[in-house]
């Protein structure tokens, strides 16, 4: 086990040995703690010499990645060979070992994003969870549209919305699942086989449960794979003929539209960094 480190162009570069393993977990943990003392915002693992990465070492690097993210820093990998890249993909670790072609690319990917403060890494788990839940349970085929920033004067049509507050040490905000009444009644029919003409308390409970499941799936991905620390939260359901959502956050809401056989609906995500 022989690692060398250097600081180059604002990057903490770690050159890895040919075999990565956790033969001495204590020594490995101590070494990683030393890496975390670097003031660099970008940490890069150089895998040029690596030809074997034993799964027993995964835990060390997952925790390293989580610790970096908790402090607003990023971890990347350069010179990753095809075989180990395939191994990471099969084991679901591509979000931990994010591959870049150069140190410049790592710096660009890690640079703060202007505008909403919400990046694709955060949005995608919610899109995937919404598709998984509704396609599986309501037997719908969903087509997500292009995310867009919600303007102050946008009046997005909705009569029922589930709202969950997002809270963790990195940010606060909310996720909102919004439907036209007729759309959700069709979704409810797909879920239960029961046809209704109006939104009842029981139907409101179904909207809350759907959002709760979507949030739970997305939270698992964000916390376990991407190093966030989202807290558990319970949904609230709002209804009204001319329902509008107002957000007190300084950051704008990101709207992700979906099309489905039951009708269009959308997610609104608001994130304000702590």
Protein backbone atom coordinates (compact mmCIF):
# COMPACT_ATOMS: atom_id res chain seq x y z
CA UNK A 1 0.00 0.00 0.00
CA UNK A 2 1.79 3.09 -1.24
CA UNK A 3 0.02 6.33 -2.04
CA UNK A 4 1.64 9.66 -2.86
CA UNK A 5 -0.06 13.04 -2.73
CA UNK A 6 0.59 16.47 -4.16
CA UNK A 7 -1.15 19.82 -4.55
CA UNK A 8 -1.41 20.97 -8.15
CA UNK A 9 -3.42 23.87 -9.61
CA UNK A 10 -5.87 23.84 -6.70
CA UNK A 11 -6.25 20.05 -6.81
CA UNK A 12 -5.28 17.54 -4.13
CA UNK A 13 -3.89 14.75 -6.33
CA UNK A 14 -3.56 11.23 -4.92
CA UNK A 15 -1.50 8.76 -6.93
CA UNK A 16 -2.71 5.24 -6.13
CA UNK A 17 -0.77 1.95 -6.05
CA UNK A 18 -1.29 -0.93 -8.48
CA UNK A 19 -3.50 -2.80 -5.99
CA UNK A 20 -6.05 -1.06 -3.79
CA UNK A 21 -7.16 -3.05 -0.78
CA UNK A 22 -7.90 -2.66 2.93
CA UNK A 23 -5.23 -4.97 4.29
CA UNK A 24 -4.72 -2.57 7.21
CA UNK A 25 -8.01 -0.74 7.75
CA UNK A 26 -6.62 1.37 10.60
CA UNK A 27 -3.70 2.65 8.55
CA UNK A 28 -6.00 3.31 5.60
CA UNK A 29 -8.44 5.34 7.72
CA UNK A 30 -5.58 7.37 9.18
CA UNK A 31 -4.23 8.09 5.72
CA UNK A 32 -7.65 9.27 4.48
CA UNK A 33 -7.98 11.57 7.50
CA UNK A 34 -4.73 13.13 6.39
CA UNK A 35 -6.07 13.64 2.87
CA UNK A 36 -9.12 15.38 4.32
CA UNK A 37 -6.87 18.00 5.93
CA UNK A 38 -6.06 19.40 2.49
CA UNK A 39 -7.61 22.81 1.87
CA UNK A 40 -8.16 21.98 -1.82
CA UNK A 41 -11.81 21.87 -2.90
CA UNK A 42 -11.10 19.23 -5.53
CA UNK A 43 -9.57 15.84 -4.74
CA UNK A 44 -8.52 13.54 -7.59
CA UNK A 45 -7.49 9.89 -7.45
CA UNK A 46 -4.95 9.00 -10.15
CA UNK A 47 -5.58 5.38 -11.17
CA UNK A 48 -2.87 5.26 -13.84
CA UNK A 49 -1.03 2.42 -12.06
CA UNK A 50 -4.11 0.66 -10.66
CA UNK A 51 -4.90 -2.76 -12.12
CA UNK A 52 -6.78 -4.29 -9.15
CA UNK A 53 -9.34 -2.70 -6.83
CA UNK A 54 -10.63 -5.08 -4.16
CA UNK A 55 -14.24 -4.55 -3.02
CA UNK A 56 -13.05 -4.68 0.59
CA UNK A 57 -11.65 -1.17 0.04
CA UNK A 58 -14.95 0.32 -1.15
CA UNK A 59 -16.07 1.45 2.29
CA UNK A 60 -12.99 3.61 2.83
CA UNK A 61 -13.49 5.54 -0.40
CA UNK A 62 -17.27 5.88 -0.01
CA UNK A 63 -16.73 7.45 3.43
CA UNK A 64 -13.96 9.64 1.99
CA UNK A 65 -16.33 10.88 -0.72
CA UNK A 66 -19.10 11.54 1.82
CA UNK A 67 -16.74 13.49 4.09
CA UNK A 68 -15.59 15.63 1.16
CA UNK A 69 -19.17 16.40 0.07
CA UNK A 70 -20.17 17.27 3.60
CA UNK A 71 -17.53 20.00 3.46
CA UNK A 72 -18.44 21.27 -0.01
CA UNK A 73 -15.61 19.41 -1.77
CA UNK A 74 -15.51 16.96 -4.67
CA UNK A 75 -13.81 13.65 -5.52
CA UNK A 76 -12.88 12.55 -9.04
CA UNK A 77 -10.83 9.82 -10.75
CA UNK A 78 -8.41 10.16 -13.67
CA UNK A 79 -6.78 7.44 -15.76
CA UNK A 80 -9.39 4.82 -14.88
CA UNK A 81 -8.94 1.66 -16.94
CA UNK A 82 -11.88 0.01 -18.69
CA UNK A 83 -12.00 -3.11 -16.54
CA UNK A 84 -12.12 -1.27 -13.22
CA UNK A 85 -14.58 1.22 -14.70
CA UNK A 86 -16.83 -1.72 -15.59
CA UNK A 87 -16.41 -3.08 -12.05
CA UNK A 88 -17.52 0.25 -10.53
CA UNK A 89 -20.54 0.37 -12.82
CA UNK A 90 -21.60 -3.17 -11.93
CA UNK A 91 -21.23 -2.41 -8.22
CA UNK A 92 -23.14 0.90 -8.42
CA UNK A 93 -20.18 3.11 -7.52
CA UNK A 94 -19.99 5.43 -10.52
CA UNK A 95 -21.33 8.30 -8.39
CA UNK A 96 -18.48 7.78 -5.91
CA UNK A 97 -15.71 7.35 -8.50
CA UNK A 98 -16.64 10.08 -10.98
CA UNK A 99 -14.33 9.81 -13.98
CA UNK A 100 -12.73 12.85 -15.60
CA UNK A 101 -10.21 13.10 -18.42
CA UNK A 102 -8.02 15.73 -16.78
CA UNK A 103 -7.52 17.93 -13.75
CA UNK A 104 -9.01 20.84 -15.70
CA UNK A 105 -12.21 18.86 -16.25
CA UNK A 106 -12.35 18.06 -12.53
CA UNK A 107 -12.06 21.75 -11.68
CA UNK A 108 -14.81 22.64 -14.17
CA UNK A 109 -17.17 19.97 -12.85
CA UNK A 110 -16.56 21.06 -9.27
CA UNK A 111 -16.98 24.78 -9.90
CA UNK A 112 -20.12 26.37 -8.38
CA UNK A 113 -23.07 26.42 -10.73
CA UNK A 114 -24.86 29.71 -11.22
CA UNK A 115 -28.60 30.18 -11.20
CA UNK A 116 -30.71 27.71 -9.30
CA UNK A 117 -28.10 26.07 -7.08
CA UNK A 118 -29.58 22.68 -8.05
CA UNK A 119 -27.51 20.40 -10.25
CA UNK A 120 -28.29 17.29 -12.26
CA UNK A 121 -26.75 15.05 -9.60
CA UNK A 122 -29.48 16.16 -7.19
CA UNK A 123 -32.43 16.28 -9.62
CA UNK A 124 -31.92 12.94 -11.36
CA UNK A 125 -32.72 10.70 -8.35
CA UNK A 126 -36.11 12.43 -8.00
CA UNK A 127 -36.86 11.99 -11.71
CA UNK A 128 -35.85 8.32 -11.53
CA UNK A 129 -37.90 7.75 -8.37
CA UNK A 130 -41.02 9.41 -9.84
CA UNK A 131 -40.78 7.22 -12.93
CA UNK A 132 -40.15 4.08 -10.90
CA UNK A 133 -43.07 4.64 -8.50
CA UNK A 134 -45.72 5.74 -11.00
CA UNK A 135 -44.71 3.37 -13.79
CA UNK A 136 -44.71 0.43 -11.38
CA UNK A 137 -47.70 1.20 -9.19
CA UNK A 138 -49.98 3.16 -11.55
CA UNK A 139 -48.87 1.33 -14.72
CA UNK A 140 -48.07 4.59 -16.50
CA UNK A 141 -45.39 5.29 -19.06
CA UNK A 142 -43.83 8.64 -18.10
CA UNK A 143 -41.89 10.98 -20.34
CA UNK A 144 -39.88 13.55 -18.35
CA UNK A 145 -39.38 16.93 -20.00
CA UNK A 146 -36.49 19.35 -19.79
CA UNK A 147 -36.05 20.94 -16.33
CA UNK A 148 -36.70 24.67 -16.29
CA UNK A 149 -36.55 27.53 -13.83
CA UNK A 150 -39.94 28.64 -12.52
CA UNK A 151 -40.50 32.36 -12.98
CA UNK A 152 -42.28 34.48 -10.39
CA UNK A 153 -45.30 35.06 -12.64
CA UNK A 154 -45.63 31.45 -13.86
CA UNK A 155 -49.08 30.03 -13.13
CA UNK A 156 -48.64 26.29 -13.50
CA UNK A 157 -52.04 24.54 -13.51
CA UNK A 158 -52.63 22.32 -10.49
CA UNK A 159 -55.43 21.38 -8.11
CA UNK A 160 -53.55 18.97 -5.83
CA UNK A 161 -49.93 19.05 -4.65
CA UNK A 162 -47.89 17.01 -2.22
CA UNK A 163 -45.16 18.97 -0.42
CA UNK A 164 -42.15 17.69 1.54
CA UNK A 165 -39.63 19.94 3.27
CA UNK A 166 -36.00 19.08 2.49
CA UNK A 167 -33.54 19.46 5.33
CA UNK A 168 -29.91 18.51 5.79
CA UNK A 169 -26.67 20.21 6.79
CA UNK A 170 -25.88 21.09 3.16
CA UNK A 171 -29.17 22.85 2.30
CA UNK A 172 -32.86 23.38 2.98
CA UNK A 173 -35.74 23.46 0.54
CA UNK A 174 -38.74 21.45 -0.64
CA UNK A 175 -39.95 18.95 -3.20
CA UNK A 176 -43.46 19.37 -4.56
CA UNK A 177 -45.43 16.90 -6.69
CA UNK A 178 -48.16 18.80 -8.54
CA UNK A 179 -51.18 17.55 -10.54
CA UNK A 180 -54.28 18.77 -12.27
CA UNK A 181 -57.26 17.24 -10.49
CA UNK A 182 -58.36 15.18 -13.51
CA UNK A 183 -54.83 13.86 -13.99
CA UNK A 184 -54.50 12.63 -10.44
CA UNK A 185 -57.96 11.06 -10.47
CA UNK A 186 -56.85 8.97 -13.46
CA UNK A 187 -53.60 8.08 -11.66
CA UNK A 188 -55.60 7.09 -8.57
CA UNK A 189 -57.79 4.88 -10.75
CA UNK A 190 -54.64 3.20 -12.07
CA UNK A 191 -53.39 2.69 -8.52
CA UNK A 192 -56.57 1.29 -6.98
CA UNK A 193 -58.93 0.41 -9.81
CA UNK A 194 -61.46 2.84 -8.29
CA UNK A 195 -62.95 5.63 -10.39
CA UNK A 196 -63.77 8.98 -8.73
CA UNK A 197 -65.04 12.33 -10.01
CA UNK A 198 -63.82 14.48 -7.12
CA UNK A 199 -60.78 14.60 -4.83
CA UNK A 200 -61.58 13.12 -1.43
CA UNK A 201 -59.55 12.81 1.76
CA UNK A 202 -58.66 9.25 0.79
CA UNK A 203 -57.35 10.47 -2.56
CA UNK A 204 -55.32 13.20 -0.84
CA UNK A 205 -53.76 10.48 1.33
CA UNK A 206 -52.76 8.61 -1.83
CA UNK A 207 -50.99 11.72 -3.18
CA UNK A 208 -49.09 12.01 0.10
CA UNK A 209 -48.09 8.35 0.02
CA UNK A 210 -46.86 8.54 -3.58
CA UNK A 211 -44.69 11.56 -2.77
CA UNK A 212 -43.45 9.85 0.38
CA UNK A 213 -42.29 6.81 -1.60
CA UNK A 214 -40.65 8.99 -4.27
CA UNK A 215 -38.85 11.00 -1.60
CA UNK A 216 -37.74 7.82 0.19
CA UNK A 217 -36.23 6.31 -2.94
CA UNK A 218 -34.47 9.53 -3.93
CA UNK A 219 -33.22 10.10 -0.37
CA UNK A 220 -31.64 6.65 -0.30
CA UNK A 221 -29.68 7.37 -3.49
CA UNK A 222 -28.65 10.88 -2.40
CA UNK A 223 -27.57 9.82 1.08
CA UNK A 224 -26.00 6.42 0.40
CA UNK A 225 -24.42 7.04 -3.01
CA UNK A 226 -23.88 10.78 -3.24
CA UNK A 227 -22.93 11.71 0.32
CA UNK A 228 -25.88 13.93 1.30
CA UNK A 229 -27.51 13.81 4.74
CA UNK A 230 -31.21 14.33 3.98
CA UNK A 231 -33.43 13.98 7.03
CA UNK A 232 -36.66 12.03 7.17
CA UNK A 233 -39.75 14.16 6.47
CA UNK A 234 -43.52 13.78 6.14
CA UNK A 235 -45.57 15.11 3.22
CA UNK A 236 -48.35 17.67 3.35
CA UNK A 237 -51.09 17.74 0.69
CA UNK A 238 -52.60 20.98 -0.60
CA UNK A 239 -55.73 21.20 -2.74
CA UNK A 240 -57.64 24.00 -4.42
CA UNK A 241 -59.18 25.00 -7.74
CA UNK A 242 -56.56 27.68 -8.36
CA UNK A 243 -53.76 26.29 -6.27
CA UNK A 244 -50.42 28.08 -6.47
CA UNK A 245 -47.17 27.34 -4.65
CA UNK A 246 -45.06 30.18 -3.30
CA UNK A 247 -41.49 29.64 -2.13
CA UNK A 248 -39.79 31.92 0.37
CA UNK A 249 -36.34 30.74 -0.73
CA UNK A 250 -34.02 33.17 -2.51
CA UNK A 251 -33.27 30.38 -4.98
CA UNK A 252 -35.78 29.78 -7.78
CA UNK A 253 -37.80 26.59 -8.08
CA UNK A 254 -36.75 24.04 -10.69
CA UNK A 255 -39.71 22.53 -12.53
CA UNK A 256 -39.44 19.04 -14.04
CA UNK A 257 -42.47 18.41 -16.28
CA UNK A 258 -43.77 14.92 -17.01
CA UNK A 259 -46.15 13.71 -19.68
CA UNK A 260 -48.23 10.57 -19.15
CA UNK A 261 -51.34 8.84 -20.53
CA UNK A 262 -53.20 10.22 -17.48
CA UNK A 263 -52.15 13.78 -18.33
CA UNK A 264 -49.24 16.13 -17.59
CA UNK A 265 -47.91 16.87 -14.11
CA UNK A 266 -44.69 18.26 -12.66
CA UNK A 267 -42.19 18.23 -9.84
CA UNK A 268 -40.98 21.48 -8.28
CA UNK A 269 -37.68 21.37 -6.41
CA UNK A 270 -36.33 24.27 -4.38
CA UNK A 271 -32.90 24.15 -2.77
CA UNK A 272 -31.13 26.85 -0.81
CA UNK A 273 -27.62 26.05 0.35
CA UNK A 274 -26.97 26.38 4.06
